[in-house]
């Protein structure tokens, strides 16, 4: 059973930074693509950033210039470095990995940005 476990969320003031981690139970390069998503209260889940097995990265417009996605194969961990956080970034952040046609999700980690 493939498992993804997020950590690193918390409460931060506007302008601050956080680094989220997503540790996976499988070889990280077995995933065709891995990504970070977020869901704010009353909103749909949206893509933040993703990275495919070849290392190609895609960011949502709101994440460009502020967020950085990365991975460490040896640690089986994907990261999301977030800087210049704003109250609008408050959400539950989820990591997702896709193997062939199947999606695997973590349980989510709460990020709260105070003004």
Protein backbone atom coordinates (compact mmCIF):
# COMPACT_ATOMS: atom_id res chain seq x y z
CA UNK A 1 0.00 0.00 0.00
CA UNK A 2 1.48 3.29 -1.11
CA UNK A 3 1.36 5.95 1.57
CA UNK A 4 2.09 9.66 1.52
CA UNK A 5 2.49 11.60 4.76
CA UNK A 6 2.66 15.39 4.88
CA UNK A 7 4.23 17.44 7.62
CA UNK A 8 5.43 20.96 8.22
CA UNK A 9 2.20 22.90 8.34
CA UNK A 10 1.42 25.40 11.04
CA UNK A 11 0.60 28.97 11.88
CA UNK A 12 2.75 31.71 10.40
CA UNK A 13 2.44 35.48 10.11
CA UNK A 14 1.97 37.15 6.77
CA UNK A 15 5.28 37.49 4.99
CA UNK A 16 6.68 34.40 6.68
CA UNK A 17 7.85 31.08 5.29
CA UNK A 18 7.12 27.40 5.77
CA UNK A 19 8.49 24.22 4.28
CA UNK A 20 6.14 21.32 3.78
CA UNK A 21 7.36 17.76 3.43
CA UNK A 22 5.69 14.73 1.89
CA UNK A 23 7.32 11.43 2.71
CA UNK A 24 6.34 8.45 0.57
CA UNK A 25 6.48 4.76 1.29
CA UNK A 26 7.58 3.87 -2.24
CA UNK A 27 10.47 4.83 -4.47
CA UNK A 28 9.71 8.45 -5.31
CA UNK A 29 10.69 7.89 -8.95
CA UNK A 30 7.99 5.24 -9.31
CA UNK A 31 5.52 8.11 -9.45
CA UNK A 32 4.83 9.50 -12.92
CA UNK A 33 4.12 12.84 -11.33
CA UNK A 34 3.93 14.21 -7.82
CA UNK A 35 2.38 17.43 -6.72
CA UNK A 36 1.08 19.71 -4.04
CA UNK A 37 -2.54 20.78 -3.89
CA UNK A 38 -4.43 22.97 -1.48
CA UNK A 39 -8.00 23.42 -0.39
CA UNK A 40 -9.32 26.43 1.44
CA UNK A 41 -12.63 26.31 3.33
CA UNK A 42 -15.53 26.36 0.91
CA UNK A 43 -13.21 26.19 -2.07
CA UNK A 44 -12.27 23.51 -4.53
CA UNK A 45 -8.96 21.75 -4.26
CA UNK A 46 -6.43 23.37 -6.56
CA UNK A 47 -3.00 22.58 -7.88
CA UNK A 48 -0.09 24.43 -6.31
CA UNK A 49 2.82 22.80 -8.14
CA UNK A 50 3.86 19.48 -9.56
CA UNK A 51 6.97 17.72 -10.77
CA UNK A 52 7.12 14.78 -13.13
CA UNK A 53 9.50 11.85 -13.13
CA UNK A 54 11.76 13.69 -15.56
CA UNK A 55 11.99 16.69 -13.29
CA UNK A 56 9.74 19.01 -15.27
CA UNK A 57 8.03 21.44 -12.87
CA UNK A 58 4.77 23.28 -13.20
CA UNK A 59 3.49 26.03 -10.88
CA UNK A 60 0.12 27.63 -10.46
CA UNK A 61 0.27 31.35 -11.20
CA UNK A 62 -0.17 32.26 -7.53
CA UNK A 63 2.80 30.08 -6.61
CA UNK A 64 5.28 31.40 -9.14
CA UNK A 65 8.11 33.31 -7.53
CA UNK A 66 7.01 32.42 -3.99
CA UNK A 67 6.86 28.63 -3.80
CA UNK A 68 9.44 26.04 -4.78
CA UNK A 69 8.78 22.34 -5.24
CA UNK A 70 11.62 19.87 -4.92
CA UNK A 71 12.30 16.24 -4.10
CA UNK A 72 14.96 14.06 -2.54
CA UNK A 73 14.95 10.51 -3.83
CA UNK A 74 17.22 9.18 -1.11
CA UNK A 75 14.85 10.51 1.55
CA UNK A 76 11.74 9.55 -0.42
CA UNK A 77 10.47 13.04 0.25
CA UNK A 78 8.97 15.85 -1.76
CA UNK A 79 9.07 19.41 -0.45
CA UNK A 80 7.23 22.65 -0.91
CA UNK A 81 9.14 25.71 0.22
CA UNK A 82 6.72 28.59 0.65
CA UNK A 83 7.78 32.17 1.19
CA UNK A 84 6.05 35.55 1.40
CA UNK A 85 2.95 33.80 2.65
CA UNK A 86 -0.30 35.72 2.70
CA UNK A 87 -3.64 35.09 4.45
CA UNK A 88 -5.00 33.93 1.11
CA UNK A 89 -2.58 30.98 1.28
CA UNK A 90 -4.45 29.59 4.28
CA UNK A 91 -5.60 26.10 3.37
CA UNK A 92 -5.07 22.42 3.91
CA UNK A 93 -2.16 21.37 1.75
CA UNK A 94 -2.12 17.88 0.27
CA UNK A 95 0.51 15.94 -1.61
CA UNK A 96 -0.46 13.61 -4.39
CA UNK A 97 1.40 11.02 -6.37
CA UNK A 98 0.30 9.27 -9.52
CA UNK A 99 1.46 5.80 -10.51
CA UNK A 100 0.12 4.89 -13.96
CA UNK A 101 -3.56 5.84 -13.67
CA UNK A 102 -3.92 5.72 -9.92
CA UNK A 103 -3.73 8.72 -7.62
CA UNK A 104 -2.47 8.49 -4.06
CA UNK A 105 -3.17 11.29 -1.58
CA UNK A 106 -1.77 12.24 1.76
CA UNK A 107 -3.96 13.22 4.67
CA UNK A 108 -3.15 16.92 4.40
CA UNK A 109 -1.45 19.47 6.60
CA UNK A 110 -2.99 22.74 7.71
CA UNK A 111 -1.31 26.01 6.84
CA UNK A 112 -2.70 29.12 8.49
CA UNK A 113 -1.36 32.57 7.67
CA UNK A 114 -2.34 35.37 10.04
CA UNK A 115 -2.47 39.00 8.99
